[in-house]
Amino acid sequence: MNYTIGQVAKLNSLTISQLRYYDKQGLLPFLKRTESGDRIFDEDALKFIEMILCLKNTGMPIKKIKQFVDWSMEGEETLQRRLDLMKMQEKYVLDQIKETEENLKKIQRKIAKYELEIKNNN
């Protein structure tokens, strides 16, 4: 099944402008086009976009995402480089999770302190 840019934008909670921007940045070289130049999104394109958004949402810069896309387009000879990039991103995400959990604990301690103070004042 093929999808329009509007449908893909809606499916991924993006704007059409965002998808066009990603295309202009070279993140969507796998897209086919109609004779009139409209982008055609198939199921494989949707899966690729899902991965691009995952990387973006976990803090990977567009430049590194483009490198990932380029390597993916090159084929199997880049598998090790892609694996290394994914492992680096995994480490980055795990570090972010750890930092977020530490901040959450600080917030929870502050909440407990305030709740205790309110309870003692009543």
PDB file of N, CA and C in Angstrom:
ATOM      1  N   MET A   1       0.845  -1.190   0.000  1.00  0.00           N
ATOM      2  CA  MET A   1       0.000   0.000   0.000  1.00  0.00           C
ATOM      3  C   MET A   1       0.880   1.240   0.000  1.00  0.00           C
ATOM      4  N   ASN A   2       0.455   2.244  -0.723  1.00  0.00           N
ATOM      5  CA  ASN A   2       1.178   3.508  -0.765  1.00  0.00           C
ATOM      6  C   ASN A   2       0.410   4.586   0.000  1.00  0.00           C
ATOM      7  N   TYR A   3       1.178   5.528   0.530  1.00  0.00           N
ATOM      8  CA  TYR A   3       0.610   6.604   1.332  1.00  0.00           C
ATOM      9  C   TYR A   3       1.061   7.950   0.782  1.00  0.00           C
ATOM     10  N   THR A   4       0.225   8.954   0.991  1.00  0.00           N
ATOM     11  CA  THR A   4       0.598  10.319   0.610  1.00  0.00           C
ATOM     12  C   THR A   4       1.418  10.940   1.733  1.00  0.00           C
ATOM     13  N   ILE A   5       2.049  12.053   1.444  1.00  0.00           N
ATOM     14  CA  ILE A   5       2.837  12.739   2.464  1.00  0.00           C
ATOM     15  C   ILE A   5       1.940  13.178   3.621  1.00  0.00           C
ATOM     16  N   GLY A   6       0.716  13.574   3.308  1.00  0.00           N
ATOM     17  CA  GLY A   6      -0.221  13.980   4.351  1.00  0.00           C
ATOM     18  C   GLY A   6      -0.587  12.827   5.271  1.00  0.00           C
ATOM     19  N   GLN A   7      -0.816  11.658   4.693  1.00  0.00           N
ATOM     20  CA  GLN A   7      -1.146  10.480   5.488  1.00  0.00           C
ATOM     21  C   GLN A   7       0.027  10.078   6.383  1.00  0.00           C
ATOM     22  N   VAL A   8       1.223  10.119   5.824  1.00  0.00           N
ATOM     23  CA  VAL A   8       2.417   9.749   6.590  1.00  0.00           C
ATOM     24  C   VAL A   8       2.648  10.754   7.713  1.00  0.00           C
ATOM     25  N   ALA A   9       2.442  12.017   7.426  1.00  0.00           N
ATOM     26  CA  ALA A   9       2.589  13.044   8.460  1.00  0.00           C
ATOM     27  C   ALA A   9       1.623  12.759   9.608  1.00  0.00           C
ATOM     28  N   LYS A  10       0.385  12.495   9.270  1.00  0.00           N
ATOM     29  CA  LYS A  10      -0.635  12.232  10.292  1.00  0.00           C
ATOM     30  C   LYS A  10      -0.305  10.962  11.083  1.00  0.00           C
ATOM     31  N   LEU A  11       0.105   9.890  10.405  1.00  0.00           N
ATOM     32  CA  LEU A  11       0.444   8.634  11.068  1.00  0.00           C
ATOM     33  C   LEU A  11       1.573   8.786  12.081  1.00  0.00           C
ATOM     34  N   ASN A  12       2.488   9.725  11.804  1.00  0.00           N
ATOM     35  CA  ASN A  12       3.681   9.897  12.644  1.00  0.00           C
ATOM     36  C   ASN A  12       3.655  11.162  13.487  1.00  0.00           C
ATOM     37  N   SER A  13       2.504  11.807  13.558  1.00  0.00           N
ATOM     38  CA  SER A  13       2.354  13.056  14.321  1.00  0.00           C
ATOM     39  C   SER A  13       3.391  14.089  13.903  1.00  0.00           C
ATOM     40  N   LEU A  14       3.552  14.224  12.605  1.00  0.00           N
ATOM     41  CA  LEU A  14       4.471  15.202  12.030  1.00  0.00           C
ATOM     42  C   LEU A  14       3.678  16.164  11.164  1.00  0.00           C
ATOM     43  N   THR A  15       4.352  17.219  10.747  1.00  0.00           N
ATOM     44  CA  THR A  15       3.758  18.096   9.747  1.00  0.00           C
ATOM     45  C   THR A  15       4.330  17.711   8.382  1.00  0.00           C
ATOM     46  N   ILE A  16       3.624  18.098   7.358  1.00  0.00           N
ATOM     47  CA  ILE A  16       4.122  17.872   5.997  1.00  0.00           C
ATOM     48  C   ILE A  16       5.453  18.598   5.827  1.00  0.00           C
ATOM     49  N   SER A  17       5.556  19.786   6.415  1.00  0.00           N
ATOM     50  CA  SER A  17       6.808  20.555   6.327  1.00  0.00           C
ATOM     51  C   SER A  17       7.975  19.802   6.941  1.00  0.00           C
ATOM     52  N   GLN A  18       7.737  19.118   8.057  1.00  0.00           N
ATOM     53  CA  GLN A  18       8.812  18.333   8.676  1.00  0.00           C
ATOM     54  C   GLN A  18       9.290  17.229   7.745  1.00  0.00           C
ATOM     55  N   LEU A  19       8.347  16.525   7.133  1.00  0.00           N
ATOM     56  CA  LEU A  19       8.727  15.457   6.204  1.00  0.00           C
ATOM     57  C   LEU A  19       9.494  16.014   5.014  1.00  0.00           C
ATOM     58  N   ARG A  20       9.058  17.145   4.508  1.00  0.00           N
ATOM     59  CA  ARG A  20       9.781  17.777   3.384  1.00  0.00           C
ATOM     60  C   ARG A  20      11.185  18.183   3.827  1.00  0.00           C
ATOM     61  N   TYR A  21      11.301  18.700   5.042  1.00  0.00           N
ATOM     62  CA  TYR A  21      12.616  19.079   5.576  1.00  0.00           C
ATOM     63  C   TYR A  21      13.529  17.857   5.656  1.00  0.00           C
ATOM     64  N   TYR A  22      13.010  16.744   6.201  1.00  0.00           N
ATOM     65  CA  TYR A  22      13.816  15.529   6.302  1.00  0.00           C
ATOM     66  C   TYR A  22      14.257  15.064   4.918  1.00  0.00           C
ATOM     67  N   ASP A  23      13.365  15.186   3.941  1.00  0.00           N
ATOM     68  CA  ASP A  23      13.717  14.800   2.578  1.00  0.00           C
ATOM     69  C   ASP A  23      14.832  15.707   2.043  1.00  0.00           C
ATOM     70  N   LYS A  24      14.703  17.011   2.268  1.00  0.00           N
ATOM     71  CA  LYS A  24      15.730  17.955   1.793  1.00  0.00           C
ATOM     72  C   LYS A  24      17.071  17.737   2.487  1.00  0.00           C
ATOM     73  N   GLN A  25      17.038  17.208   3.718  1.00  0.00           N
ATOM     74  CA  GLN A  25      18.273  16.919   4.456  1.00  0.00           C
ATOM     75  C   GLN A  25      18.897  15.592   4.023  1.00  0.00           C
ATOM     76  N   GLY A  26      18.252  14.906   3.098  1.00  0.00           N
ATOM     77  CA  GLY A  26      18.788  13.649   2.584  1.00  0.00           C
ATOM     78  C   GLY A  26      18.429  12.430   3.411  1.00  0.00           C
ATOM     79  N   LEU A  27      17.431  12.560   4.273  1.00  0.00           N
ATOM     80  CA  LEU A  27      17.059  11.439   5.141  1.00  0.00           C
ATOM     81  C   LEU A  27      16.088  10.462   4.477  1.00  0.00           C
ATOM     82  N   LEU A  28      15.537  10.843   3.332  1.00  0.00           N
ATOM     83  CA  LEU A  28      14.528   9.988   2.692  1.00  0.00           C
ATOM     84  C   LEU A  28      14.903   9.641   1.242  1.00  0.00           C
ATOM     85  N   PRO A  29      16.137   9.208   0.979  1.00  0.00           N
ATOM     86  CA  PRO A  29      16.532   8.940  -0.406  1.00  0.00           C
ATOM     87  C   PRO A  29      15.843   7.723  -1.005  1.00  0.00           C
ATOM     88  N   PHE A  30      15.204   6.936  -0.186  1.00  0.00           N
ATOM     89  CA  PHE A  30      14.537   5.708  -0.613  1.00  0.00           C
ATOM     90  C   PHE A  30      13.155   5.972  -1.204  1.00  0.00           C
ATOM     91  N   LEU A  31      12.675   7.217  -1.102  1.00  0.00           N
ATOM     92  CA  LEU A  31      11.327   7.522  -1.594  1.00  0.00           C
ATOM     93  C   LEU A  31      11.284   7.506  -3.117  1.00  0.00           C
ATOM     94  N   LYS A  32      10.186   6.983  -3.624  1.00  0.00           N
ATOM     95  CA  LYS A  32       9.912   7.042  -5.056  1.00  0.00           C
ATOM     96  C   LYS A  32       9.008   8.255  -5.277  1.00  0.00           C
ATOM     97  N   ARG A  33       8.911   8.656  -6.525  1.00  0.00           N
ATOM     98  CA  ARG A  33       8.062   9.808  -6.846  1.00  0.00           C
ATOM     99  C   ARG A  33       7.153   9.475  -8.018  1.00  0.00           C
ATOM    100  N   THR A  34       6.013  10.156  -8.023  1.00  0.00           N
ATOM    101  CA  THR A  34       5.103  10.025  -9.161  1.00  0.00           C
ATOM    102  C   THR A  34       5.664  10.842 -10.322  1.00  0.00           C
ATOM    103  N   GLU A  35       5.037  10.725 -11.482  1.00  0.00           N
ATOM    104  CA  GLU A  35       5.473  11.517 -12.640  1.00  0.00           C
ATOM    105  C   GLU A  35       5.391  13.004 -12.364  1.00  0.00           C
ATOM    106  N   SER A  36       4.442  13.401 -11.521  1.00  0.00           N
ATOM    107  CA  SER A  36       4.287  14.830 -11.197  1.00  0.00           C
ATOM    108  C   SER A  36       5.206  15.274 -10.054  1.00  0.00           C
ATOM    109  N   GLY A  37       6.010  14.332  -9.509  1.00  0.00           N
ATOM    110  CA  GLY A  37       6.984  14.697  -8.478  1.00  0.00           C
ATOM    111  C   GLY A  37       6.522  14.481  -7.046  1.00  0.00           C
ATOM    112  N   ASP A  38       5.292  14.006  -6.869  1.00  0.00           N
ATOM    113  CA  ASP A  38       4.803  13.749  -5.506  1.00  0.00           C
ATOM    114  C   ASP A  38       5.541  12.554  -4.906  1.00  0.00           C
ATOM    115  N   ARG A  39       5.843  12.653  -3.622  1.00  0.00           N
ATOM    116  CA  ARG A  39       6.520  11.559  -2.928  1.00  0.00           C
ATOM    117  C   ARG A  39       5.562  10.388  -2.722  1.00  0.00           C
ATOM    118  N   ILE A  40       6.098   9.179  -2.892  1.00  0.00           N
ATOM    119  CA  ILE A  40       5.313   7.965  -2.661  1.00  0.00           C
ATOM    120  C   ILE A  40       5.923   7.243  -1.471  1.00  0.00           C
ATOM    121  N   PHE A  41       5.117   7.014  -0.458  1.00  0.00           N
ATOM    122  CA  PHE A  41       5.555   6.314   0.748  1.00  0.00           C
ATOM    123  C   PHE A  41       4.947   4.922   0.754  1.00  0.00           C
ATOM    124  N   ASP A  42       5.791   3.880   0.727  1.00  0.00           N
ATOM    125  CA  ASP A  42       5.293   2.516   0.838  1.00  0.00           C
ATOM    126  C   ASP A  42       5.576   1.991   2.245  1.00  0.00           C
ATOM    127  N   GLU A  43       5.246   0.734   2.491  1.00  0.00           N
ATOM    128  CA  GLU A  43       5.425   0.157   3.837  1.00  0.00           C
ATOM    129  C   GLU A  43       6.891   0.199   4.279  1.00  0.00           C
ATOM    130  N   ASP A  44       7.821  -0.084   3.358  1.00  0.00           N
ATOM    131  CA  ASP A  44       9.247  -0.032   3.704  1.00  0.00           C
ATOM    132  C   ASP A  44       9.665   1.382   4.096  1.00  0.00           C
ATOM    133  N   ALA A  45       9.137   2.371   3.375  1.00  0.00           N
ATOM    134  CA  ALA A  45       9.449   3.766   3.700  1.00  0.00           C
ATOM    135  C   ALA A  45       8.932   4.115   5.095  1.00  0.00           C
ATOM    136  N   LEU A  46       7.738   3.627   5.425  1.00  0.00           N
ATOM    137  CA  LEU A  46       7.174   3.897   6.754  1.00  0.00           C
ATOM    138  C   LEU A  46       8.056   3.315   7.853  1.00  0.00           C
ATOM    139  N   LYS A  47       8.565   2.106   7.636  1.00  0.00           N
ATOM    140  CA  LYS A  47       9.451   1.492   8.633  1.00  0.00           C
ATOM    141  C   LYS A  47      10.740   2.274   8.779  1.00  0.00           C
ATOM    142  N   PHE A  48      11.273   2.745   7.664  1.00  0.00           N
ATOM    143  CA  PHE A  48      12.504   3.527   7.699  1.00  0.00           C
ATOM    144  C   PHE A  48      12.263   4.849   8.426  1.00  0.00           C
ATOM    145  N   ILE A  49      11.147   5.490   8.133  1.00  0.00           N
ATOM    146  CA  ILE A  49      10.810   6.755   8.803  1.00  0.00           C
ATOM    147  C   ILE A  49      10.652   6.522  10.303  1.00  0.00           C
ATOM    148  N   GLU A  50      10.057   5.409  10.673  1.00  0.00           N
ATOM    149  CA  GLU A  50       9.912   5.077  12.099  1.00  0.00           C
ATOM    150  C   GLU A  50      11.285   5.018  12.779  1.00  0.00           C
ATOM    151  N   MET A  51      12.265   4.418  12.108  1.00  0.00           N
ATOM    152  CA  MET A  51      13.615   4.331  12.680  1.00  0.00           C
ATOM    153  C   MET A  51      14.267   5.705  12.743  1.00  0.00           C
ATOM    154  N   ILE A  52      14.096   6.501  11.705  1.00  0.00           N
ATOM    155  CA  ILE A  52      14.639   7.861  11.680  1.00  0.00           C
ATOM    156  C   ILE A  52      14.074   8.661  12.852  1.00  0.00           C
ATOM    157  N   LEU A  53      12.766   8.560  13.065  1.00  0.00           N
ATOM    158  CA  LEU A  53      12.133   9.298  14.165  1.00  0.00           C
ATOM    159  C   LEU A  53      12.594   8.777  15.518  1.00  0.00           C
ATOM    160  N   CYS A  54      12.800   7.473  15.625  1.00  0.00           N
ATOM    161  CA  CYS A  54      13.327   6.899  16.866  1.00  0.00           C
ATOM    162  C   CYS A  54      14.688   7.509  17.185  1.00  0.00           C
ATOM    163  N   LEU A  55      15.554   7.556  16.184  1.00  0.00           N
ATOM    164  CA  LEU A  55      16.895   8.119  16.398  1.00  0.00           C
ATOM    165  C   LEU A  55      16.800   9.600  16.762  1.00  0.00           C
ATOM    166  N   LYS A  56      15.955  10.322  16.048  1.00  0.00           N
ATOM    167  CA  LYS A  56      15.775  11.750  16.325  1.00  0.00           C
ATOM    168  C   LYS A  56      15.232  11.957  17.735  1.00  0.00           C
ATOM    169  N   ASN A  57      14.227  11.169  18.105  1.00  0.00           N
ATOM    170  CA  ASN A  57      13.594  11.323  19.413  1.00  0.00           C
ATOM    171  C   ASN A  57      14.493  10.901  20.568  1.00  0.00           C
ATOM    172  N   THR A  58      15.548  10.176  20.270  1.00  0.00           N
ATOM    173  CA  THR A  58      16.496   9.795  21.321  1.00  0.00           C
ATOM    174  C   THR A  58      17.740  10.660  21.273  1.00  0.00           C
ATOM    175  N   GLY A  59      17.655  11.778  20.565  1.00  0.00           N
ATOM    176  CA  GLY A  59      18.712  12.776  20.630  1.00  0.00           C
ATOM    177  C   GLY A  59      19.808  12.692  19.582  1.00  0.00           C
ATOM    178  N   MET A  60      19.662  11.839  18.582  1.00  0.00           N
ATOM    179  CA  MET A  60      20.693  11.766  17.554  1.00  0.00           C
ATOM    180  C   MET A  60      20.564  12.970  16.618  1.00  0.00           C
ATOM    181  N   PRO A  61      21.672  13.650  16.361  1.00  0.00           N
ATOM    182  CA  PRO A  61      21.631  14.795  15.439  1.00  0.00           C
ATOM    183  C   PRO A  61      21.303  14.356  14.002  1.00  0.00           C
ATOM    184  N   ILE A  62      20.703  15.259  13.241  1.00  0.00           N
ATOM    185  CA  ILE A  62      20.329  14.992  11.853  1.00  0.00           C
ATOM    186  C   ILE A  62      21.540  14.503  11.048  1.00  0.00           C
ATOM    187  N   LYS A  63      22.691  15.098  11.284  1.00  0.00           N
ATOM    188  CA  LYS A  63      23.901  14.715  10.538  1.00  0.00           C
ATOM    189  C   LYS A  63      24.227  13.229  10.732  1.00  0.00           C
ATOM    190  N   LYS A  64      24.118  12.741  11.966  1.00  0.00           N
ATOM    191  CA  LYS A  64      24.385  11.319  12.229  1.00  0.00           C
ATOM    192  C   LYS A  64      23.280  10.436  11.661  1.00  0.00           C
ATOM    193  N   ILE A  65      22.041  10.918  11.727  1.00  0.00           N
ATOM    194  CA  ILE A  65      20.941  10.154  11.136  1.00  0.00           C
ATOM    195  C   ILE A  65      21.161  10.022   9.630  1.00  0.00           C
ATOM    196  N   LYS A  66      21.598  11.099   8.998  1.00  0.00           N
ATOM    197  CA  LYS A  66      21.885  11.048   7.558  1.00  0.00           C
ATOM    198  C   LYS A  66      22.975  10.030   7.270  1.00  0.00           C
ATOM    199  N   GLN A  67      23.995   9.983   8.127  1.00  0.00           N
ATOM    200  CA  GLN A  67      25.053   8.995   7.938  1.00  0.00           C
ATOM    201  C   GLN A  67      24.483   7.585   8.024  1.00  0.00           C
ATOM    202  N   PHE A  68      23.609   7.348   8.992  1.00  0.00           N
ATOM    203  CA  PHE A  68      22.945   6.051   9.121  1.00  0.00           C
ATOM    204  C   PHE A  68      22.160   5.710   7.860  1.00  0.00           C
ATOM    205  N   VAL A  69      21.392   6.675   7.363  1.00  0.00           N
ATOM    206  CA  VAL A  69      20.591   6.456   6.156  1.00  0.00           C
ATOM    207  C   VAL A  69      21.503   6.151   4.972  1.00  0.00           C
ATOM    208  N   ASP A  70      22.570   6.944   4.829  1.00  0.00           N
ATOM    209  CA  ASP A  70      23.510   6.718   3.719  1.00  0.00           C
ATOM    210  C   ASP A  70      24.102   5.316   3.795  1.00  0.00           C
ATOM    211  N   TRP A  71      24.539   4.919   4.981  1.00  0.00           N
ATOM    212  CA  TRP A  71      25.100   3.578   5.148  1.00  0.00           C
ATOM    213  C   TRP A  71      24.057   2.514   4.815  1.00  0.00           C
ATOM    214  N   SER A  72      22.820   2.745   5.234  1.00  0.00           N
ATOM    215  CA  SER A  72      21.757   1.789   4.943  1.00  0.00           C
ATOM    216  C   SER A  72      21.546   1.646   3.438  1.00  0.00           C
ATOM    217  N   MET A  73      21.643   2.747   2.723  1.00  0.00           N
ATOM    218  CA  MET A  73      21.456   2.724   1.277  1.00  0.00           C
ATOM    219  C   MET A  73      22.628   2.013   0.581  1.00  0.00           C
ATOM    220  N   GLU A  74      23.796   2.044   1.210  1.00  0.00           N
ATOM    221  CA  GLU A  74      24.981   1.411   0.620  1.00  0.00           C
ATOM    222  C   GLU A  74      24.913  -0.109   0.693  1.00  0.00           C
ATOM    223  N   GLY A  75      24.205  -0.642   1.655  1.00  0.00           N
ATOM    224  CA  GLY A  75      24.036  -2.085   1.714  1.00  0.00           C
ATOM    225  C   GLY A  75      24.820  -2.766   2.817  1.00  0.00           C
ATOM    226  N   GLU A  76      24.970  -4.073   2.647  1.00  0.00           N
ATOM    227  CA  GLU A  76      25.510  -4.930   3.708  1.00  0.00           C
ATOM    228  C   GLU A  76      26.941  -4.616   4.114  1.00  0.00           C
ATOM    229  N   GLU A  77      27.724  -4.016   3.224  1.00  0.00           N
ATOM    230  CA  GLU A  77      29.111  -3.736   3.587  1.00  0.00           C
ATOM    231  C   GLU A  77      29.222  -2.701   4.708  1.00  0.00           C
ATOM    232  N   THR A  78      28.121  -2.040   5.030  1.00  0.00           N
ATOM    233  CA  THR A  78      28.133  -1.041   6.101  1.00  0.00           C
ATOM    234  C   THR A  78      27.475  -1.540   7.384  1.00  0.00           C
ATOM    235  N   LEU A  79      27.159  -2.811   7.448  1.00  0.00           N
ATOM    236  CA  LEU A  79      26.477  -3.351   8.624  1.00  0.00           C
ATOM    237  C   LEU A  79      27.239  -3.073   9.912  1.00  0.00           C
ATOM    238  N   GLN A  80      28.549  -3.274   9.925  1.00  0.00           N
ATOM    239  CA  GLN A  80      29.327  -3.053  11.150  1.00  0.00           C
ATOM    240  C   GLN A  80      29.275  -1.595  11.584  1.00  0.00           C
ATOM    241  N   ARG A  81      29.370  -0.680  10.636  1.00  0.00           N
ATOM    242  CA  ARG A  81      29.292   0.751  10.978  1.00  0.00           C
ATOM    243  C   ARG A  81      27.928   1.108  11.544  1.00  0.00           C
ATOM    244  N   ARG A  82      26.881   0.531  10.948  1.00  0.00           N
ATOM    245  CA  ARG A  82      25.527   0.785  11.464  1.00  0.00           C
ATOM    246  C   ARG A  82      25.354   0.191  12.857  1.00  0.00           C
ATOM    247  N   LEU A  83      25.887  -1.005  13.058  1.00  0.00           N
ATOM    248  CA  LEU A  83      25.823  -1.625  14.383  1.00  0.00           C
ATOM    249  C   LEU A  83      26.547  -0.771  15.409  1.00  0.00           C
ATOM    250  N   ASP A  84      27.744  -0.289  15.068  1.00  0.00           N
ATOM    251  CA  ASP A  84      28.508   0.560  15.980  1.00  0.00           C
ATOM    252  C   ASP A  84      27.737   1.842  16.320  1.00  0.00           C
ATOM    253  N   LEU A  85      27.107   2.428  15.309  1.00  0.00           N
ATOM    254  CA  LEU A  85      26.316   3.643  15.537  1.00  0.00           C
ATOM    255  C   LEU A  85      25.140   3.362  16.462  1.00  0.00           C
ATOM    256  N   MET A  86      24.449   2.223  16.255  1.00  0.00           N
ATOM    257  CA  MET A  86      23.316   1.865  17.113  1.00  0.00           C
ATOM    258  C   MET A  86      23.780   1.605  18.546  1.00  0.00           C
ATOM    259  N   LYS A  87      24.931   0.989  18.714  1.00  0.00           N
ATOM    260  CA  LYS A  87      25.451   0.740  20.061  1.00  0.00           C
ATOM    261  C   LYS A  87      25.807   2.048  20.754  1.00  0.00           C
ATOM    262  N   MET A  88      26.358   2.998  20.003  1.00  0.00           N
ATOM    263  CA  MET A  88      26.656   4.313  20.587  1.00  0.00           C
ATOM    264  C   MET A  88      25.367   5.010  21.010  1.00  0.00           C
ATOM    265  N   GLN A  89      24.335   4.907  20.185  1.00  0.00           N
ATOM    266  CA  GLN A  89      23.059   5.532  20.521  1.00  0.00           C
ATOM    267  C   GLN A  89      22.413   4.845  21.711  1.00  0.00           C
ATOM    268  N   GLU A  90      22.537   3.537  21.771  1.00  0.00           N
ATOM    269  CA  GLU A  90      22.010   2.795  22.915  1.00  0.00           C
ATOM    270  C   GLU A  90      22.671   3.282  24.199  1.00  0.00           C
ATOM    271  N   LYS A  91      23.985   3.430  24.187  1.00  0.00           N
ATOM    272  CA  LYS A  91      24.704   3.907  25.371  1.00  0.00           C
ATOM    273  C   LYS A  91      24.227   5.314  25.750  1.00  0.00           C
ATOM    274  N   TYR A  92      24.079   6.175  24.745  1.00  0.00           N
ATOM    275  CA  TYR A  92      23.607   7.534  24.994  1.00  0.00           C
ATOM    276  C   TYR A  92      22.225   7.513  25.652  1.00  0.00           C
ATOM    277  N   VAL A  93      21.319   6.685  25.126  1.00  0.00           N
ATOM    278  CA  VAL A  93      19.959   6.609  25.672  1.00  0.00           C
ATOM    279  C   VAL A  93      19.985   6.061  27.096  1.00  0.00           C
ATOM    280  N   LEU A  94      20.778   5.030  27.328  1.00  0.00           N
ATOM    281  CA  LEU A  94      20.878   4.469  28.681  1.00  0.00           C
ATOM    282  C   LEU A  94      21.438   5.500  29.661  1.00  0.00           C
ATOM    283  N   ASP A  95      22.412   6.285  29.223  1.00  0.00           N
ATOM    284  CA  ASP A  95      22.944   7.356  30.078  1.00  0.00           C
ATOM    285  C   ASP A  95      21.867   8.392  30.379  1.00  0.00           C
ATOM    286  N   GLN A  96      21.051   8.729  29.365  1.00  0.00           N
ATOM    287  CA  GLN A  96      19.964   9.690  29.556  1.00  0.00           C
ATOM    288  C   GLN A  96      18.930   9.146  30.535  1.00  0.00           C
ATOM    289  N   ILE A  97      18.623   7.864  30.418  1.00  0.00           N
ATOM    290  CA  ILE A  97      17.663   7.233  31.332  1.00  0.00           C
ATOM    291  C   ILE A  97      18.192   7.295  32.765  1.00  0.00           C
ATOM    292  N   LYS A  98      19.455   6.972  32.930  1.00  0.00           N
ATOM    293  CA  LYS A  98      20.062   7.001  34.270  1.00  0.00           C
ATOM    294  C   LYS A  98      19.990   8.413  34.852  1.00  0.00           C
ATOM    295  N   GLU A  99      20.343   9.405  34.042  1.00  0.00           N
ATOM    296  CA  GLU A  99      20.299  10.789  34.514  1.00  0.00           C
ATOM    297  C   GLU A  99      18.870  11.203  34.854  1.00  0.00           C
ATOM    298  N   THR A 100      17.922  10.797  34.030  1.00  0.00           N
ATOM    299  CA  THR A 100      16.519  11.122  34.281  1.00  0.00           C
ATOM    300  C   THR A 100      16.023  10.449  35.555  1.00  0.00           C
ATOM    301  N   GLU A 101      16.422   9.196  35.770  1.00  0.00           N
ATOM    302  CA  GLU A 101      16.024   8.497  36.997  1.00  0.00           C
ATOM    303  C   GLU A 101      16.607   9.185  38.233  1.00  0.00           C
ATOM    304  N   GLU A 102      17.847   9.651  38.141  1.00  0.00           N
ATOM    305  CA  GLU A 102      18.460  10.372  39.260  1.00  0.00           C
ATOM    306  C   GLU A 102      17.702  11.669  39.543  1.00  0.00           C
ATOM    307  N   ASN A 103      17.331  12.375  38.483  1.00  0.00           N
ATOM    308  CA  ASN A 103      16.564  13.609  38.665  1.00  0.00           C
ATOM    309  C   ASN A 103      15.185  13.326  39.229  1.00  0.00           C
ATOM    310  N   LEU A 104      14.575  12.235  38.798  1.00  0.00           N
ATOM    311  CA  LEU A 104      13.270  11.845  39.328  1.00  0.00           C
ATOM    312  C   LEU A 104      13.359  11.587  40.826  1.00  0.00           C
ATOM    313  N   LYS A 105      14.406  10.908  41.272  1.00  0.00           N
ATOM    314  CA  LYS A 105      14.580  10.633  42.700  1.00  0.00           C
ATOM    315  C   LYS A 105      14.699  11.938  43.491  1.00  0.00           C
ATOM    316  N   LYS A 106      15.400  12.914  42.953  1.00  0.00           N
ATOM    317  CA  LYS A 106      15.529  14.213  43.631  1.00  0.00           C
ATOM    318  C   LYS A 106      14.162  14.878  43.754  1.00  0.00           C
ATOM    319  N   ILE A 107      13.400  14.821  42.672  1.00  0.00           N
ATOM    320  CA  ILE A 107      12.068  15.420  42.682  1.00  0.00           C
ATOM    321  C   ILE A 107      11.170  14.700  43.690  1.00  0.00           C
ATOM    322  N   GLN A 108      11.247  13.377  43.713  1.00  0.00           N
ATOM    323  CA  GLN A 108      10.423  12.610  44.648  1.00  0.00           C
ATOM    324  C   GLN A 108      10.802  12.897  46.091  1.00  0.00           C
ATOM    325  N   ARG A 109      12.088  13.086  46.354  1.00  0.00           N
ATOM    326  CA  ARG A 109      12.506  13.451  47.724  1.00  0.00           C
ATOM    327  C   ARG A 109      11.946  14.820  48.114  1.00  0.00           C
ATOM    328  N   LYS A 110      11.947  15.740  47.173  1.00  0.00           N
ATOM    329  CA  LYS A 110      11.414  17.078  47.447  1.00  0.00           C
ATOM    330  C   LYS A 110       9.905  17.002  47.689  1.00  0.00           C
ATOM    331  N   ILE A 111       9.214  16.196  46.906  1.00  0.00           N
ATOM    332  CA  ILE A 111       7.768  16.012  47.097  1.00  0.00           C
ATOM    333  C   ILE A 111       7.499  15.444  48.491  1.00  0.00           C
ATOM    334  N   ALA A 112       8.257  14.409  48.858  1.00  0.00           N
ATOM    335  CA  ALA A 112       8.067  13.786  50.183  1.00  0.00           C
ATOM    336  C   ALA A 112       8.323  14.809  51.287  1.00  0.00           C
ATOM    337  N   LYS A 113       9.334  15.641  51.120  1.00  0.00           N
ATOM    338  CA  LYS A 113       9.650  16.667  52.117  1.00  0.00           C
ATOM    339  C   LYS A 113       8.489  17.648  52.251  1.00  0.00           C
ATOM    340  N   TYR A 114       7.979  18.120  51.121  1.00  0.00           N
ATOM    341  CA  TYR A 114       6.870  19.078  51.154  1.00  0.00           C
ATOM    342  C   TYR A 114       5.621  18.450  51.759  1.00  0.00           C
ATOM    343  N   GLU A 115       5.337  17.202  51.404  1.00  0.00           N
ATOM    344  CA  GLU A 115       4.151  16.539  51.947  1.00  0.00           C
ATOM    345  C   GLU A 115       4.271  16.375  53.459  1.00  0.00           C
ATOM    346  N   LEU A 116       5.469  16.048  53.926  1.00  0.00           N
ATOM    347  CA  LEU A 116       5.699  15.912  55.365  1.00  0.00           C
ATOM    348  C   LEU A 116       5.523  17.252  56.070  1.00  0.00           C
ATOM    349  N   GLU A 117       6.078  18.308  55.468  1.00  0.00           N
ATOM    350  CA  GLU A 117       5.939  19.641  56.075  1.00  0.00           C
ATOM    351  C   GLU A 117       4.475  20.068  56.134  1.00  0.00           C
ATOM    352  N   ILE A 118       3.727  19.805  55.080  1.00  0.00           N
ATOM    353  CA  ILE A 118       2.299  20.163  55.062  1.00  0.00           C
ATOM    354  C   ILE A 118       1.554  19.366  56.113  1.00  0.00           C
ATOM    355  N   LYS A 119       1.860  18.073  56.218  1.00  0.00           N
ATOM    356  CA  LYS A 119       1.208  17.215  57.197  1.00  0.00           C
ATOM    357  C   LYS A 119       1.515  17.696  58.622  1.00  0.00           C
ATOM    358  N   ASN A 120       2.762  18.055  58.882  1.00  0.00           N
ATOM    359  CA  ASN A 120       3.162  18.515  60.214  1.00  0.00           C
ATOM    360  C   ASN A 120       2.578  19.878  60.560  1.00  0.00           C
ATOM    361  N   ASN A 121       2.285  20.678  59.567  1.00  0.00           N
ATOM    362  CA  ASN A 121       1.723  22.007  59.801  1.00  0.00           C
ATOM    363  C   ASN A 121       0.201  21.987  59.980  1.00  0.00           C
ATOM    364  N   ASN A 122      -0.412  20.866  59.701  1.00  0.00           N
ATOM    365  CA  ASN A 122      -1.879  20.782  59.813  1.00  0.00           C
ATOM    366  C   ASN A 122      -2.301  20.199  61.110  1.00  0.00           C
TER     367      ASN A 122
END
